[in-house]
Amino acid sequence: MSSPRRRIETDVMKLLMSDYEVTLVNDNMQEFYVRFHGPSDTPFAGGIWKVHVELPDQYPYKSPSIGFMNKIFHPNIDELSGSVCLDVINQTWSPMFDMINIFEVFLPQLLRYPNPTDPLNGEAAAMLMREAAGYELKVKEYVSRYATKEAADYSTEESSSDDDMSSVESFSDDDDAPGLEL
């Protein structure tokens, strides 16, 4: 099946040729890191995150797995694993989307418009709904502590595994992680 392979190469090349800093893992186009900057008009402005991306063999017919490597305080991103709860990636993925869409549209939109009614981080969701100003302050605190260039550089694979990233398959009952709020 050469079509998915060609599409992977095309999408990754587009990303490599864009303004994003992309680092391939072992020269593999199906696993890489992208340096992602917080949108300027949000409390995430100035933040730099290292985002781990894995493309399945069936990409673009199957969605990529996306995970933040350094900490971020957001209702739809798991603080411990970095897993992203985003419908367009997890449920409504279409082969019409590509990697550029994820980094130029989907993730910036997620940071601009969090959905506290479908949280992965219950504390962030509750704070956003009850005390928006406090939520914004905590986001900015996390940005200054965990979303620096140094923190993104320091974030390594040791804090992540396949089960940590967002994908439909990652929601299994096999691993009950202690300390996770539901």
N, C-alpha and C. Protein backbone atom coordinates (compact mmCIF):
# COMPACT_ATOMS: atom_id res chain seq x y z
N MET A 1 0.85 -1.18 0.00
CA MET A 1 0.00 0.00 0.00
C MET A 1 0.89 1.24 0.00
N SER A 2 1.13 1.80 -1.18
CA SER A 2 2.07 2.91 -1.29
C SER A 2 1.43 4.26 -1.01
N SER A 3 0.11 4.38 -1.13
CA SER A 3 -0.56 5.66 -0.94
C SER A 3 -0.34 6.24 0.47
N PRO A 4 -0.58 5.47 1.56
CA PRO A 4 -0.32 6.02 2.89
C PRO A 4 1.16 6.39 3.08
N ARG A 5 2.07 5.58 2.57
CA ARG A 5 3.50 5.87 2.71
C ARG A 5 3.84 7.20 2.03
N ARG A 6 3.33 7.39 0.83
CA ARG A 6 3.58 8.63 0.09
C ARG A 6 2.98 9.82 0.82
N ARG A 7 1.78 9.63 1.37
CA ARG A 7 1.11 10.71 2.10
C ARG A 7 1.90 11.08 3.36
N ILE A 8 2.41 10.08 4.06
CA ILE A 8 3.24 10.34 5.25
C ILE A 8 4.43 11.20 4.84
N GLU A 9 5.12 10.79 3.79
CA GLU A 9 6.29 11.54 3.33
C GLU A 9 5.93 12.97 2.93
N THR A 10 4.82 13.13 2.21
CA THR A 10 4.39 14.46 1.78
C THR A 10 4.07 15.35 2.97
N ASP A 11 3.28 14.83 3.92
CA ASP A 11 2.88 15.64 5.07
C ASP A 11 4.07 16.00 5.96
N VAL A 12 4.96 15.05 6.16
CA VAL A 12 6.12 15.33 7.01
C VAL A 12 7.06 16.32 6.31
N MET A 13 7.22 16.18 5.00
CA MET A 13 8.06 17.14 4.27
C MET A 13 7.47 18.54 4.35
N LYS A 14 6.14 18.66 4.24
CA LYS A 14 5.50 19.98 4.38
C LYS A 14 5.81 20.58 5.74
N LEU A 15 5.76 19.74 6.77
CA LEU A 15 6.04 20.20 8.12
C LEU A 15 7.50 20.59 8.26
N LEU A 16 8.40 19.79 7.70
CA LEU A 16 9.84 20.09 7.76
C LEU A 16 10.17 21.40 7.03
N MET A 17 9.44 21.69 5.96
CA MET A 17 9.70 22.89 5.18
C MET A 17 8.98 24.12 5.74
N SER A 18 8.14 23.93 6.74
CA SER A 18 7.41 25.04 7.35
C SER A 18 8.32 25.73 8.37
N ASP A 19 7.74 26.66 9.10
CA ASP A 19 8.50 27.38 10.13
C ASP A 19 8.65 26.59 11.43
N TYR A 20 8.02 25.41 11.49
CA TYR A 20 8.10 24.61 12.71
C TYR A 20 9.44 23.89 12.80
N GLU A 21 9.95 23.80 14.03
CA GLU A 21 11.16 23.03 14.26
C GLU A 21 10.72 21.58 14.47
N VAL A 22 11.16 20.71 13.57
CA VAL A 22 10.76 19.31 13.59
C VAL A 22 12.00 18.45 13.76
N THR A 23 11.93 17.48 14.67
CA THR A 23 13.04 16.55 14.90
C THR A 23 12.53 15.14 14.71
N LEU A 24 13.06 14.47 13.69
CA LEU A 24 12.67 13.08 13.44
C LEU A 24 13.32 12.18 14.48
N VAL A 25 12.62 11.13 14.89
CA VAL A 25 13.18 10.14 15.81
C VAL A 25 13.80 9.04 14.95
N ASN A 26 15.10 8.85 15.07
CA ASN A 26 15.83 7.84 14.30
C ASN A 26 15.56 7.94 12.80
N ASP A 27 15.51 9.17 12.28
CA ASP A 27 15.26 9.41 10.85
C ASP A 27 13.97 8.75 10.35
N ASN A 28 13.03 8.54 11.25
CA ASN A 28 11.77 7.88 10.92
C ASN A 28 10.70 8.94 10.69
N MET A 29 10.09 8.95 9.52
CA MET A 29 9.07 9.95 9.23
C MET A 29 7.75 9.68 9.95
N GLN A 30 7.64 8.56 10.64
CA GLN A 30 6.40 8.25 11.34
C GLN A 30 6.46 8.60 12.82
N GLU A 31 7.60 9.06 13.29
CA GLU A 31 7.72 9.49 14.68
C GLU A 31 8.65 10.69 14.74
N PHE A 32 8.13 11.76 15.34
CA PHE A 32 8.94 12.97 15.40
C PHE A 32 8.40 13.91 16.48
N TYR A 33 9.18 14.94 16.75
CA TYR A 33 8.80 15.98 17.71
C TYR A 33 8.66 17.29 16.96
N VAL A 34 7.69 18.09 17.38
CA VAL A 34 7.50 19.41 16.80
C VAL A 34 7.52 20.42 17.94
N ARG A 35 8.28 21.49 17.76
CA ARG A 35 8.30 22.57 18.74
C ARG A 35 7.10 23.47 18.44
N PHE A 36 6.19 23.56 19.40
CA PHE A 36 4.93 24.27 19.23
C PHE A 36 4.89 25.48 20.16
N HIS A 37 4.56 26.65 19.60
CA HIS A 37 4.49 27.89 20.37
C HIS A 37 3.03 28.22 20.68
N GLY A 38 2.79 28.67 21.91
CA GLY A 38 1.44 29.05 22.31
C GLY A 38 0.94 30.24 21.50
N PRO A 39 -0.34 30.26 21.17
CA PRO A 39 -0.91 31.37 20.39
C PRO A 39 -0.73 32.70 21.12
N SER A 40 -0.39 33.75 20.36
CA SER A 40 -0.04 35.04 20.95
C SER A 40 -1.18 35.71 21.70
N ASP A 41 -2.41 35.45 21.34
CA ASP A 41 -3.53 36.14 21.97
C ASP A 41 -4.19 35.32 23.08
N THR A 42 -3.39 34.50 23.75
CA THR A 42 -3.91 33.64 24.81
C THR A 42 -2.98 33.67 26.03
N PRO A 43 -3.41 33.10 27.16
CA PRO A 43 -2.51 33.01 28.32
C PRO A 43 -1.32 32.06 28.04
N PHE A 44 -1.41 31.29 26.94
CA PHE A 44 -0.34 30.36 26.57
C PHE A 44 0.75 31.06 25.76
N ALA A 45 0.57 32.35 25.47
CA ALA A 45 1.53 33.12 24.68
C ALA A 45 2.92 33.05 25.32
N GLY A 46 3.93 32.89 24.49
CA GLY A 46 5.30 32.81 24.97
C GLY A 46 5.72 31.41 25.35
N GLY A 47 4.77 30.49 25.45
CA GLY A 47 5.09 29.11 25.81
C GLY A 47 5.64 28.33 24.63
N ILE A 48 6.54 27.42 24.94
CA ILE A 48 7.12 26.54 23.93
C ILE A 48 6.97 25.11 24.43
N TRP A 49 6.30 24.29 23.62
CA TRP A 49 6.09 22.90 23.99
C TRP A 49 6.71 21.99 22.96
N LYS A 50 7.19 20.88 23.44
CA LYS A 50 7.68 19.82 22.57
C LYS A 50 6.53 18.83 22.43
N VAL A 51 6.04 18.65 21.21
CA VAL A 51 4.88 17.79 20.96
C VAL A 51 5.36 16.54 20.22
N HIS A 52 5.08 15.39 20.79
CA HIS A 52 5.46 14.10 20.20
C HIS A 52 4.36 13.66 19.25
N VAL A 53 4.74 13.28 18.05
CA VAL A 53 3.77 12.85 17.05
C VAL A 53 4.16 11.47 16.54
N GLU A 54 3.18 10.59 16.48
CA GLU A 54 3.38 9.28 15.84
C GLU A 54 2.31 9.10 14.79
N LEU A 55 2.76 8.75 13.58
CA LEU A 55 1.82 8.50 12.49
C LEU A 55 1.68 7.00 12.31
N PRO A 56 0.46 6.49 12.39
CA PRO A 56 0.25 5.04 12.20
C PRO A 56 0.50 4.66 10.75
N ASP A 57 0.74 3.38 10.49
CA ASP A 57 0.94 2.90 9.12
C ASP A 57 -0.25 3.26 8.23
N GLN A 58 -1.44 3.35 8.82
CA GLN A 58 -2.65 3.63 8.05
C GLN A 58 -2.92 5.13 7.85
N TYR A 59 -2.01 5.99 8.32
CA TYR A 59 -2.17 7.44 8.12
C TYR A 59 -2.23 7.71 6.63
N PRO A 60 -3.12 8.54 6.15
CA PRO A 60 -3.99 9.50 6.80
C PRO A 60 -5.39 8.97 7.12
N TYR A 61 -5.61 7.68 6.89
CA TYR A 61 -6.94 7.12 7.16
C TYR A 61 -7.16 6.89 8.65
N LYS A 62 -6.07 6.82 9.38
CA LYS A 62 -6.12 6.70 10.84
C LYS A 62 -5.40 7.92 11.42
N SER A 63 -5.93 8.47 12.49
CA SER A 63 -5.39 9.72 13.05
C SER A 63 -4.01 9.54 13.68
N PRO A 64 -3.22 10.61 13.71
CA PRO A 64 -1.93 10.56 14.39
C PRO A 64 -2.13 10.57 15.91
N SER A 65 -1.11 10.14 16.62
CA SER A 65 -1.10 10.25 18.09
C SER A 65 -0.29 11.49 18.44
N ILE A 66 -0.86 12.31 19.29
CA ILE A 66 -0.26 13.61 19.65
C ILE A 66 -0.14 13.67 21.17
N GLY A 67 1.03 14.09 21.67
CA GLY A 67 1.20 14.24 23.11
C GLY A 67 2.16 15.35 23.46
N PHE A 68 1.78 16.20 24.41
CA PHE A 68 2.66 17.26 24.90
C PHE A 68 3.70 16.63 25.82
N MET A 69 4.97 16.92 25.58
CA MET A 69 6.04 16.34 26.39
C MET A 69 6.31 17.13 27.67
N ASN A 70 6.21 18.46 27.61
CA ASN A 70 6.37 19.25 28.82
C ASN A 70 4.99 19.69 29.31
N LYS A 71 4.89 19.98 30.60
CA LYS A 71 3.60 20.22 31.25
C LYS A 71 2.86 21.42 30.69
N ILE A 72 1.54 21.26 30.65
CA ILE A 72 0.65 22.34 30.24
C ILE A 72 -0.62 22.23 31.08
N PHE A 73 -1.15 23.37 31.51
CA PHE A 73 -2.36 23.38 32.34
C PHE A 73 -3.53 23.76 31.44
N HIS A 74 -4.34 22.76 31.10
CA HIS A 74 -5.44 22.95 30.16
C HIS A 74 -6.49 21.88 30.41
N PRO A 75 -7.78 22.22 30.36
CA PRO A 75 -8.82 21.23 30.64
C PRO A 75 -8.80 20.01 29.73
N ASN A 76 -8.35 20.17 28.49
CA ASN A 76 -8.43 19.08 27.52
C ASN A 76 -7.09 18.41 27.22
N ILE A 77 -6.11 18.66 28.11
CA ILE A 77 -4.80 18.02 27.97
C ILE A 77 -4.43 17.43 29.32
N ASP A 78 -4.15 16.14 29.35
CA ASP A 78 -3.80 15.47 30.61
C ASP A 78 -2.46 16.01 31.10
N GLU A 79 -2.45 16.51 32.32
CA GLU A 79 -1.25 17.14 32.86
C GLU A 79 -0.08 16.16 33.00
N LEU A 80 -0.37 14.92 33.37
CA LEU A 80 0.70 13.95 33.60
C LEU A 80 1.22 13.32 32.31
N SER A 81 0.31 12.92 31.43
CA SER A 81 0.75 12.20 30.23
C SER A 81 0.93 13.10 29.01
N GLY A 82 0.28 14.26 29.00
CA GLY A 82 0.34 15.13 27.83
C GLY A 82 -0.67 14.76 26.76
N SER A 83 -1.48 13.74 27.01
CA SER A 83 -2.49 13.28 26.06
C SER A 83 -3.47 14.41 25.76
N VAL A 84 -3.87 14.52 24.50
CA VAL A 84 -4.75 15.59 24.06
C VAL A 84 -6.15 15.05 23.80
N CYS A 85 -7.15 15.72 24.37
CA CYS A 85 -8.55 15.37 24.11
C CYS A 85 -9.08 16.37 23.09
N LEU A 86 -9.05 15.98 21.84
CA LEU A 86 -9.48 16.86 20.77
C LEU A 86 -10.25 16.03 19.78
N ASP A 87 -11.55 16.30 19.66
CA ASP A 87 -12.43 15.50 18.79
C ASP A 87 -11.87 15.30 17.39
N VAL A 88 -11.31 16.36 16.82
CA VAL A 88 -10.86 16.26 15.43
C VAL A 88 -9.72 15.26 15.29
N ILE A 89 -8.96 15.04 16.34
CA ILE A 89 -7.90 14.04 16.29
C ILE A 89 -8.43 12.67 16.71
N ASN A 90 -9.23 12.65 17.77
CA ASN A 90 -9.65 11.37 18.33
C ASN A 90 -10.87 10.72 17.67
N GLN A 91 -11.85 11.52 17.26
CA GLN A 91 -13.07 10.90 16.72
C GLN A 91 -13.39 11.29 15.29
N THR A 92 -13.16 12.52 14.91
CA THR A 92 -13.64 12.98 13.60
C THR A 92 -12.50 13.21 12.60
N TRP A 93 -11.40 12.53 12.79
CA TRP A 93 -10.25 12.67 11.89
C TRP A 93 -10.67 12.31 10.47
N SER A 94 -10.16 13.05 9.52
CA SER A 94 -10.43 12.80 8.11
C SER A 94 -9.12 12.82 7.33
N PRO A 95 -8.99 12.00 6.29
CA PRO A 95 -7.78 12.04 5.45
C PRO A 95 -7.57 13.40 4.78
N MET A 96 -8.60 14.25 4.81
CA MET A 96 -8.45 15.59 4.24
C MET A 96 -7.57 16.48 5.11
N PHE A 97 -7.41 16.12 6.41
CA PHE A 97 -6.56 16.89 7.31
C PHE A 97 -5.11 16.45 7.12
N ASP A 98 -4.19 17.36 7.45
CA ASP A 98 -2.78 16.97 7.42
C ASP A 98 -2.08 17.50 8.67
N MET A 99 -0.79 17.27 8.77
CA MET A 99 -0.04 17.65 9.96
C MET A 99 -0.02 19.17 10.15
N ILE A 100 0.04 19.91 9.06
CA ILE A 100 0.03 21.37 9.16
C ILE A 100 -1.27 21.83 9.83
N ASN A 101 -2.41 21.21 9.48
CA ASN A 101 -3.69 21.55 10.12
C ASN A 101 -3.60 21.41 11.64
N ILE A 102 -2.95 20.36 12.10
CA ILE A 102 -2.86 20.11 13.54
C ILE A 102 -2.14 21.26 14.24
N PHE A 103 -1.01 21.70 13.67
CA PHE A 103 -0.19 22.70 14.35
C PHE A 103 -0.59 24.14 14.04
N GLU A 104 -1.26 24.38 12.92
CA GLU A 104 -1.66 25.75 12.59
C GLU A 104 -3.10 26.04 12.96
N VAL A 105 -3.93 25.01 13.07
CA VAL A 105 -5.36 25.24 13.34
C VAL A 105 -5.82 24.53 14.61
N PHE A 106 -5.73 23.20 14.63
CA PHE A 106 -6.36 22.43 15.70
C PHE A 106 -5.79 22.72 17.09
N LEU A 107 -4.47 22.64 17.26
CA LEU A 107 -3.90 22.89 18.59
C LEU A 107 -4.06 24.36 19.01
N PRO A 108 -3.80 25.34 18.12
CA PRO A 108 -4.06 26.73 18.55
C PRO A 108 -5.52 26.97 18.94
N GLN A 109 -6.46 26.38 18.20
CA GLN A 109 -7.87 26.53 18.53
C GLN A 109 -8.18 25.89 19.89
N LEU A 110 -7.58 24.74 20.16
CA LEU A 110 -7.79 24.08 21.44
C LEU A 110 -7.31 24.97 22.59
N LEU A 111 -6.16 25.62 22.41
CA LEU A 111 -5.65 26.49 23.47
C LEU A 111 -6.49 27.76 23.61
N ARG A 112 -7.00 28.28 22.49
CA ARG A 112 -7.84 29.48 22.54
C ARG A 112 -9.21 29.20 23.15
N TYR A 113 -9.78 28.05 22.82
CA TYR A 113 -11.16 27.75 23.23
C TYR A 113 -11.24 26.40 23.93
N PRO A 114 -10.76 26.34 25.19
CA PRO A 114 -10.83 25.07 25.92
C PRO A 114 -12.28 24.66 26.14
N ASN A 115 -12.49 23.34 26.24
CA ASN A 115 -13.83 22.81 26.48
C ASN A 115 -13.87 22.17 27.87
N PRO A 116 -14.27 22.92 28.88
CA PRO A 116 -14.26 22.37 30.25
C PRO A 116 -15.32 21.32 30.50
N THR A 117 -16.26 21.13 29.56
CA THR A 117 -17.30 20.12 29.77
C THR A 117 -16.86 18.73 29.34
N ASP A 118 -15.67 18.61 28.72
CA ASP A 118 -15.14 17.32 28.30
C ASP A 118 -13.66 17.25 28.70
N PRO A 119 -13.38 17.26 30.02
CA PRO A 119 -12.00 17.44 30.46
C PRO A 119 -11.17 16.16 30.57
N LEU A 120 -9.88 16.33 30.39
CA LEU A 120 -8.88 15.32 30.79
C LEU A 120 -8.21 15.80 32.07
N ASN A 121 -8.26 17.09 32.32
CA ASN A 121 -7.70 17.68 33.53
C ASN A 121 -8.87 18.34 34.28
N GLY A 122 -9.41 17.61 35.25
CA GLY A 122 -10.58 18.08 36.00
C GLY A 122 -10.32 19.34 36.78
N GLU A 123 -9.12 19.48 37.32
CA GLU A 123 -8.78 20.68 38.09
C GLU A 123 -8.81 21.92 37.19
N ALA A 124 -8.21 21.81 36.02
CA ALA A 124 -8.19 22.95 35.08
C ALA A 124 -9.61 23.28 34.63
N ALA A 125 -10.42 22.26 34.36
CA ALA A 125 -11.79 22.48 33.90
C ALA A 125 -12.60 23.20 34.98
N ALA A 126 -12.51 22.71 36.22
CA ALA A 126 -13.27 23.31 37.32
C ALA A 126 -12.82 24.75 37.55
N MET A 127 -11.52 24.99 37.50
CA MET A 127 -10.99 26.33 37.73
C MET A 127 -11.45 27.28 36.61
N LEU A 128 -11.43 26.81 35.37
CA LEU A 128 -11.87 27.65 34.26
C LEU A 128 -13.34 28.03 34.41
N MET A 129 -14.17 27.09 34.84
CA MET A 129 -15.60 27.36 34.97
C MET A 129 -15.93 28.23 36.18
N ARG A 130 -15.20 28.02 37.30
CA ARG A 130 -15.54 28.72 38.53
C ARG A 130 -14.77 30.01 38.75
N GLU A 131 -13.54 30.04 38.25
CA GLU A 131 -12.67 31.18 38.54
C GLU A 131 -11.73 31.41 37.35
N ALA A 132 -12.27 32.02 36.31
CA ALA A 132 -11.53 32.20 35.05
C ALA A 132 -10.22 32.97 35.24
N ALA A 133 -10.23 33.97 36.11
CA ALA A 133 -9.01 34.77 36.34
C ALA A 133 -7.93 33.90 36.99
N GLY A 134 -8.33 33.07 37.94
CA GLY A 134 -7.37 32.16 38.59
C GLY A 134 -6.83 31.13 37.62
N TYR A 135 -7.69 30.64 36.73
CA TYR A 135 -7.27 29.70 35.68
C TYR A 135 -6.20 30.35 34.80
N GLU A 136 -6.47 31.57 34.37
CA GLU A 136 -5.52 32.27 33.50
C GLU A 136 -4.17 32.47 34.19
N LEU A 137 -4.19 32.82 35.48
CA LEU A 137 -2.95 32.99 36.24
C LEU A 137 -2.18 31.66 36.33
N LYS A 138 -2.89 30.58 36.58
CA LYS A 138 -2.24 29.27 36.70
C LYS A 138 -1.65 28.85 35.35
N VAL A 139 -2.37 29.10 34.25
CA VAL A 139 -1.84 28.81 32.91
C VAL A 139 -0.53 29.56 32.71
N LYS A 140 -0.53 30.85 33.05
CA LYS A 140 0.67 31.68 32.87
C LYS A 140 1.82 31.19 33.75
N GLU A 141 1.49 30.74 34.96
CA GLU A 141 2.51 30.18 35.86
C GLU A 141 3.13 28.92 35.24
N TYR A 142 2.30 28.05 34.69
CA TYR A 142 2.79 26.84 34.03
C TYR A 142 3.64 27.19 32.81
N VAL A 143 3.20 28.19 32.06
CA VAL A 143 3.97 28.61 30.88
C VAL A 143 5.37 29.05 31.32
N SER A 144 5.44 29.88 32.37
CA SER A 144 6.76 30.37 32.80
C SER A 144 7.62 29.28 33.43
N ARG A 145 7.00 28.27 34.05
CA ARG A 145 7.76 27.20 34.69
C ARG A 145 8.10 26.04 33.77
N TYR A 146 7.15 25.64 32.93
CA TYR A 146 7.31 24.40 32.18
C TYR A 146 7.35 24.55 30.66
N ALA A 147 7.01 25.72 30.14
CA ALA A 147 6.93 25.88 28.69
C ALA A 147 8.01 26.83 28.17
N THR A 148 9.20 26.67 28.71
CA THR A 148 10.34 27.46 28.24
C THR A 148 11.11 26.64 27.21
N LYS A 149 12.00 27.29 26.50
CA LYS A 149 12.84 26.59 25.52
C LYS A 149 13.63 25.48 26.22
N GLU A 150 14.14 25.80 27.40
CA GLU A 150 14.92 24.81 28.16
C GLU A 150 14.07 23.62 28.57
N ALA A 151 12.86 23.88 29.02
CA ALA A 151 11.97 22.79 29.42
C ALA A 151 11.61 21.92 28.22
N ALA A 152 11.37 22.54 27.08
CA ALA A 152 11.04 21.79 25.87
C ALA A 152 12.24 20.95 25.44
N ASP A 153 13.45 21.53 25.54
CA ASP A 153 14.66 20.78 25.18
C ASP A 153 14.89 19.61 26.14
N TYR A 154 14.57 19.83 27.42
CA TYR A 154 14.80 18.81 28.44
C TYR A 154 13.80 17.67 28.34
N SER A 155 12.59 17.97 27.87
CA SER A 155 11.55 16.94 27.75
C SER A 155 12.03 15.83 26.83
N THR A 156 12.04 14.63 27.35
CA THR A 156 12.53 13.50 26.55
C THR A 156 11.52 12.38 26.55
N GLU A 157 11.83 11.35 25.81
CA GLU A 157 10.93 10.20 25.69
C GLU A 157 10.67 9.51 27.00
N GLU A 158 11.57 9.63 27.96
CA GLU A 158 11.39 8.90 29.22
C GLU A 158 10.09 9.25 29.92
N SER A 159 9.53 10.43 29.65
CA SER A 159 8.29 10.81 30.32
C SER A 159 7.06 10.46 29.50
N SER A 160 7.24 9.72 28.42
CA SER A 160 6.11 9.40 27.56
C SER A 160 6.20 7.96 27.08
N SER A 161 5.05 7.43 26.72
CA SER A 161 5.01 6.13 26.06
C SER A 161 3.83 6.15 25.13
N ASP A 162 3.67 5.10 24.35
CA ASP A 162 2.56 5.05 23.39
C ASP A 162 1.22 5.23 24.07
N ASP A 163 1.06 4.74 25.30
CA ASP A 163 -0.21 4.83 25.99
C ASP A 163 -0.53 6.24 26.44
N ASP A 164 0.47 7.14 26.45
CA ASP A 164 0.27 8.48 26.95
C ASP A 164 -0.34 9.42 25.94
N MET A 165 -0.21 9.14 24.67
CA MET A 165 -0.62 10.09 23.67
C MET A 165 -2.06 9.89 23.26
N SER A 166 -2.63 10.93 22.67
CA SER A 166 -4.03 10.84 22.30
C SER A 166 -4.24 10.01 21.06
N SER A 167 -5.11 9.09 21.18
CA SER A 167 -5.61 8.32 20.05
C SER A 167 -6.79 7.54 20.60
N VAL A 168 -7.61 7.06 19.74
CA VAL A 168 -8.80 6.36 20.19
C VAL A 168 -8.40 5.13 21.00
N GLU A 169 -7.34 4.45 20.59
CA GLU A 169 -6.92 3.22 21.27
C GLU A 169 -6.37 3.48 22.66
N SER A 170 -5.92 4.69 22.97
CA SER A 170 -5.24 4.92 24.24
C SER A 170 -6.19 4.91 25.44
N PHE A 171 -7.49 4.88 25.21
CA PHE A 171 -8.42 4.88 26.31
C PHE A 171 -8.83 3.46 26.67
N SER A 172 -7.91 2.74 27.32
CA SER A 172 -8.18 1.37 27.71
C SER A 172 -8.26 1.27 29.22
N ASP A 173 -8.77 0.15 29.70
CA ASP A 173 -8.88 -0.06 31.14
C ASP A 173 -7.65 -0.76 31.69
N ASP A 174 -6.65 -1.03 30.84
CA ASP A 174 -5.49 -1.80 31.28
C ASP A 174 -4.70 -1.09 32.35
N ASP A 175 -4.48 0.20 32.18
CA ASP A 175 -3.60 0.94 33.07
C ASP A 175 -4.38 1.96 33.87
N ASP A 176 -4.56 1.73 35.14
CA ASP A 176 -5.17 2.74 35.99
C ASP A 176 -4.04 3.52 36.62
N ALA A 177 -3.83 4.73 36.12
CA ALA A 177 -2.74 5.55 36.62
C ALA A 177 -3.15 6.19 37.93
N PRO A 178 -2.34 6.01 38.97
CA PRO A 178 -2.68 6.62 40.25
C PRO A 178 -2.59 8.13 40.15
N GLY A 179 -3.47 8.82 40.83
CA GLY A 179 -3.41 10.26 40.91
C GLY A 179 -4.12 11.00 39.78
N LEU A 180 -4.68 10.27 38.85
CA LEU A 180 -5.38 10.95 37.75
C LEU A 180 -6.80 11.29 38.20
N GLU A 181 -7.20 12.53 37.94
CA GLU A 181 -8.58 12.92 38.27
C GLU A 181 -9.47 12.59 37.08
N LEU A 182 -10.65 12.11 37.38
CA LEU A 182 -11.59 11.81 36.30
C LEU A 182 -12.77 12.73 36.36
